[in-house]
Amino acid sequence: MVSALDPRKSFISHVLDRRQCVEREKGVFLKDLRVVRGRPLERMVAVDFTLLAFMSQLDNGIRMPKYRGGREDKELRTVTEFLMTLGSAGDVRPLVKKFAGIERVLRIFSKEEKREKRKKESSEPEVGVEYE
C-alpha cells in the first residue's frame, strides 16, 4: 500500500511493519507509534485496514478498507489526497481525527457490507432453479 500511496517516497518517511508491532493476540498486531525514535506523535499518521492496529494512538490513525484495486476503489486516492495536505500542519492529529471520524468509518463499513452482499448474492444459486 505504501508504494501506491507515495511512489516517489516524498511524504512517507517511515513504515511500521509487523517487526515493529506488538502482537496482542495471535494475528492481532498493534502499531505503537512511540517506537519511532526522533519523530513527534503530532507529525505521524498510521494507516491500516483495522482499527486495532492503531489503538495506542487513535488520533493518529486512519482506517481504510483493504485495497482491492479497480475503478470503484476510491479510498486509496481519498486517503492519499488527504495525507498530502498534512505537510504544513503543525499537529496532524486534529486533522486526522476530523478526516477519519466515525462518519467516514461508518460509510466505509456500509460500502464493504454492500460489496460483500453483492458478492454473496452473485455466487448463490437462485432458489427453485436447478443446475446441472
C-alpha atoms as a PDB file:
ATOM      1  CA  MET A   1       0.000   0.000   0.000  1.00  0.00           C
ATOM      2  CA  VAL A   2       2.850   2.393   0.799  1.00  0.00           C
ATOM      3  CA  SER A   3       4.248   2.237  -2.727  1.00  0.00           C
ATOM      4  CA  ALA A   4       0.797   3.118  -4.060  1.00  0.00           C
ATOM      5  CA  LEU A   5       0.312   5.969  -1.568  1.00  0.00           C
ATOM      6  CA  ASP A   6       3.743   7.537  -2.083  1.00  0.00           C
ATOM      7  CA  PRO A   7       5.550   6.059  -5.109  1.00  0.00           C
ATOM      8  CA  ARG A   8       8.254   8.788  -5.067  1.00  0.00           C
ATOM      9  CA  LYS A   9       8.799   8.484  -1.289  1.00  0.00           C
ATOM     10  CA  SER A  10       8.118  12.200  -0.917  1.00  0.00           C
ATOM     11  CA  PHE A  11       5.766  12.089   2.078  1.00  0.00           C
ATOM     12  CA  ILE A  12       6.175   8.774   3.872  1.00  0.00           C
ATOM     13  CA  SER A  13       9.483   8.602   5.689  1.00  0.00           C
ATOM     14  CA  HIS A  14       8.958   5.536   7.892  1.00  0.00           C
ATOM     15  CA  VAL A  15       6.855   2.389   7.730  1.00  0.00           C
ATOM     16  CA  LEU A  16       5.953   0.199  10.692  1.00  0.00           C
ATOM     17  CA  ASP A  17       5.646  -3.404   9.621  1.00  0.00           C
ATOM     18  CA  ARG A  18       4.999  -6.437  11.797  1.00  0.00           C
ATOM     19  CA  ARG A  19       8.573  -6.447  13.121  1.00  0.00           C
ATOM     20  CA  GLN A  20       7.928  -3.137  14.906  1.00  0.00           C
ATOM     21  CA  CYS A  21       4.403  -4.027  16.009  1.00  0.00           C
ATOM     22  CA  VAL A  22       3.264  -5.591  19.260  1.00  0.00           C
ATOM     23  CA  GLU A  23       1.314  -8.838  18.864  1.00  0.00           C
ATOM     24  CA  ARG A  24      -1.549  -8.665  21.392  1.00  0.00           C
ATOM     25  CA  GLU A  25      -3.276 -11.880  20.372  1.00  0.00           C
ATOM     26  CA  LYS A  26      -2.442 -14.387  17.699  1.00  0.00           C
ATOM     27  CA  GLY A  27      -2.570 -12.433  14.459  1.00  0.00           C
ATOM     28  CA  VAL A  28      -3.589  -9.113  16.090  1.00  0.00           C
ATOM     29  CA  PHE A  29      -0.789  -6.568  15.742  1.00  0.00           C
ATOM     30  CA  LEU A  30      -0.713  -3.083  17.275  1.00  0.00           C
ATOM     31  CA  LYS A  31       1.253  -0.228  15.728  1.00  0.00           C
ATOM     32  CA  ASP A  32       2.623   1.810  18.601  1.00  0.00           C
ATOM     33  CA  LEU A  33       3.980   4.993  17.048  1.00  0.00           C
ATOM     34  CA  ARG A  34       6.057   5.680  20.151  1.00  0.00           C
ATOM     35  CA  VAL A  35       8.634   3.147  18.896  1.00  0.00           C
ATOM     36  CA  VAL A  36       9.596   5.561  16.104  1.00  0.00           C
ATOM     37  CA  ARG A  37      12.500   7.489  17.603  1.00  0.00           C
ATOM     38  CA  GLY A  38      13.086  11.140  16.826  1.00  0.00           C
ATOM     39  CA  ARG A  39       9.632  11.821  15.439  1.00  0.00           C
ATOM     40  CA  PRO A  40       6.928  13.539  17.480  1.00  0.00           C
ATOM     41  CA  LEU A  41       3.482  11.931  17.591  1.00  0.00           C
ATOM     42  CA  GLU A  42       1.911  15.152  16.335  1.00  0.00           C
ATOM     43  CA  ARG A  43       3.688  14.601  12.985  1.00  0.00           C
ATOM     44  CA  MET A  44       2.818  10.907  12.432  1.00  0.00           C
ATOM     45  CA  VAL A  45      -0.134   9.109  10.853  1.00  0.00           C
ATOM     46  CA  ALA A  46      -0.922   5.388  10.930  1.00  0.00           C
ATOM     47  CA  VAL A  47      -2.972   3.933   8.059  1.00  0.00           C
ATOM     48  CA  ASP A  48      -4.341   0.413   8.342  1.00  0.00           C
ATOM     49  CA  PHE A  49      -7.394  -1.659   7.454  1.00  0.00           C
ATOM     50  CA  THR A  50      -8.138  -2.450  11.096  1.00  0.00           C
ATOM     51  CA  LEU A  51      -8.767  -0.038  13.963  1.00  0.00           C
ATOM     52  CA  LEU A  52      -6.959  -2.398  16.316  1.00  0.00           C
ATOM     53  CA  ALA A  53      -3.673  -1.636  14.574  1.00  0.00           C
ATOM     54  CA  PHE A  54      -3.503   1.894  15.973  1.00  0.00           C
ATOM     55  CA  MET A  55      -5.443   1.559  19.225  1.00  0.00           C
ATOM     56  CA  SER A  56      -2.472   3.029  21.098  1.00  0.00           C
ATOM     57  CA  GLN A  57      -2.839   6.335  19.229  1.00  0.00           C
ATOM     58  CA  LEU A  58      -6.369   6.566  17.829  1.00  0.00           C
ATOM     59  CA  ASP A  59      -5.992  10.267  16.991  1.00  0.00           C
ATOM     60  CA  ASN A  60      -3.112   9.387  14.669  1.00  0.00           C
ATOM     61  CA  GLY A  61      -4.950   6.614  12.816  1.00  0.00           C
ATOM     62  CA  ILE A  62      -6.843   6.368   9.561  1.00  0.00           C
ATOM     63  CA  ARG A  63      -8.790   3.185   8.942  1.00  0.00           C
ATOM     64  CA  MET A  64      -9.296   2.261   5.330  1.00  0.00           C
ATOM     65  CA  PRO A  65     -10.557  -0.912   3.712  1.00  0.00           C
ATOM     66  CA  LYS A  66      -8.162  -3.400   2.184  1.00  0.00           C
ATOM     67  CA  TYR A  67      -7.106  -2.179  -1.235  1.00  0.00           C
ATOM     68  CA  ARG A  68      -8.869  -4.212  -3.909  1.00  0.00           C
ATOM     69  CA  GLY A  69      -7.890  -2.228  -6.974  1.00  0.00           C
ATOM     70  CA  GLY A  70     -10.211  -1.345  -9.791  1.00  0.00           C
ATOM     71  CA  ARG A  71     -12.042   1.861 -10.609  1.00  0.00           C
ATOM     72  CA  GLU A  72     -14.593   1.548  -7.813  1.00  0.00           C
ATOM     73  CA  ASP A  73     -11.818   1.522  -5.193  1.00  0.00           C
ATOM     74  CA  LYS A  74     -11.526   5.237  -4.467  1.00  0.00           C
ATOM     75  CA  GLU A  75     -10.425   5.103  -0.825  1.00  0.00           C
ATOM     76  CA  LEU A  76      -6.715   4.951  -1.615  1.00  0.00           C
ATOM     77  CA  ARG A  77      -6.955   8.126  -3.693  1.00  0.00           C
ATOM     78  CA  THR A  78      -9.018   9.855  -0.994  1.00  0.00           C
ATOM     79  CA  VAL A  79      -6.513   8.983   1.739  1.00  0.00           C
ATOM     80  CA  THR A  80      -3.549   9.953  -0.453  1.00  0.00           C
ATOM     81  CA  GLU A  81      -5.057  13.352  -1.215  1.00  0.00           C
ATOM     82  CA  PHE A  82      -5.715  13.927   2.469  1.00  0.00           C
ATOM     83  CA  LEU A  83      -2.194  12.895   3.526  1.00  0.00           C
ATOM     84  CA  MET A  84      -0.724  15.330   1.012  1.00  0.00           C
ATOM     85  CA  THR A  85      -2.483  18.204   2.794  1.00  0.00           C
ATOM     86  CA  LEU A  86      -0.759  17.426   6.104  1.00  0.00           C
ATOM     87  CA  GLY A  87       2.719  18.643   5.147  1.00  0.00           C
ATOM     88  CA  SER A  88       2.262  22.131   6.567  1.00  0.00           C
ATOM     89  CA  ALA A  89       0.230  21.100   9.621  1.00  0.00           C
ATOM     90  CA  GLY A  90       1.962  21.571  12.946  1.00  0.00           C
ATOM     91  CA  ASP A  91      -0.104  18.867  14.663  1.00  0.00           C
ATOM     92  CA  VAL A  92      -1.763  16.377  12.312  1.00  0.00           C
ATOM     93  CA  ARG A  93      -3.931  14.735  14.994  1.00  0.00           C
ATOM     94  CA  PRO A  94      -6.906  17.158  14.950  1.00  0.00           C
ATOM     95  CA  LEU A  95      -6.983  16.960  11.138  1.00  0.00           C
ATOM     96  CA  VAL A  96      -6.705  13.156  11.145  1.00  0.00           C
ATOM     97  CA  LYS A  97      -9.401  12.886  13.786  1.00  0.00           C
ATOM     98  CA  LYS A  98     -11.755  15.041  11.718  1.00  0.00           C
ATOM     99  CA  PHE A  99     -10.962  13.190   8.452  1.00  0.00           C
ATOM    100  CA  ALA A 100     -11.102   9.701   9.952  1.00  0.00           C
ATOM    101  CA  GLY A 101     -14.100  10.339  12.182  1.00  0.00           C
ATOM    102  CA  ILE A 102     -16.981   7.986  12.838  1.00  0.00           C
ATOM    103  CA  GLU A 103     -18.960   9.192   9.811  1.00  0.00           C
ATOM    104  CA  ARG A 104     -16.183   8.071   7.462  1.00  0.00           C
ATOM    105  CA  VAL A 105     -15.751   4.731   9.229  1.00  0.00           C
ATOM    106  CA  LEU A 106     -19.489   4.038   9.013  1.00  0.00           C
ATOM    107  CA  ARG A 107     -19.534   4.961   5.321  1.00  0.00           C
ATOM    108  CA  ILE A 108     -16.631   2.591   4.625  1.00  0.00           C
ATOM    109  CA  PHE A 109     -18.257  -0.265   6.547  1.00  0.00           C
ATOM    110  CA  SER A 110     -21.528   0.337   4.691  1.00  0.00           C
ATOM    111  CA  LYS A 111     -19.746   0.132   1.329  1.00  0.00           C
ATOM    112  CA  GLU A 112     -17.933  -3.039   2.383  1.00  0.00           C
ATOM    113  CA  GLU A 113     -21.173  -4.658   3.543  1.00  0.00           C
ATOM    114  CA  LYS A 114     -22.857  -3.833   0.225  1.00  0.00           C
ATOM    115  CA  ARG A 115     -19.882  -5.215  -1.716  1.00  0.00           C
ATOM    116  CA  GLU A 116     -19.909  -8.447   0.307  1.00  0.00           C
ATOM    117  CA  LYS A 117     -23.683  -8.785  -0.112  1.00  0.00           C
ATOM    118  CA  ARG A 118     -23.424  -8.379  -3.904  1.00  0.00           C
ATOM    119  CA  LYS A 119     -20.583 -10.900  -3.981  1.00  0.00           C
ATOM    120  CA  LYS A 120     -22.590 -13.397  -1.936  1.00  0.00           C
ATOM    121  CA  GLU A 121     -25.758 -12.890  -3.988  1.00  0.00           C
ATOM    122  CA  SER A 122     -23.911 -13.377  -7.266  1.00  0.00           C
ATOM    123  CA  SER A 123     -22.369 -16.650  -6.069  1.00  0.00           C
ATOM    124  CA  GLU A 124     -25.534 -18.216  -4.651  1.00  0.00           C
ATOM    125  CA  PRO A 125     -27.886 -20.111  -6.978  1.00  0.00           C
ATOM    126  CA  GLU A 126     -31.465 -18.900  -7.090  1.00  0.00           C
ATOM    127  CA  VAL A 127     -33.973 -20.855  -5.031  1.00  0.00           C
ATOM    128  CA  GLY A 128     -36.071 -23.183  -7.176  1.00  0.00           C
ATOM    129  CA  VAL A 129     -33.648 -23.220 -10.115  1.00  0.00           C
ATOM    130  CA  GLU A 130     -31.903 -26.456 -10.880  1.00  0.00           C
ATOM    131  CA  TYR A 131     -28.338 -26.520 -12.122  1.00  0.00           C
ATOM    132  CA  GLU A 132     -26.750 -29.487 -13.841  1.00  0.00           C
END
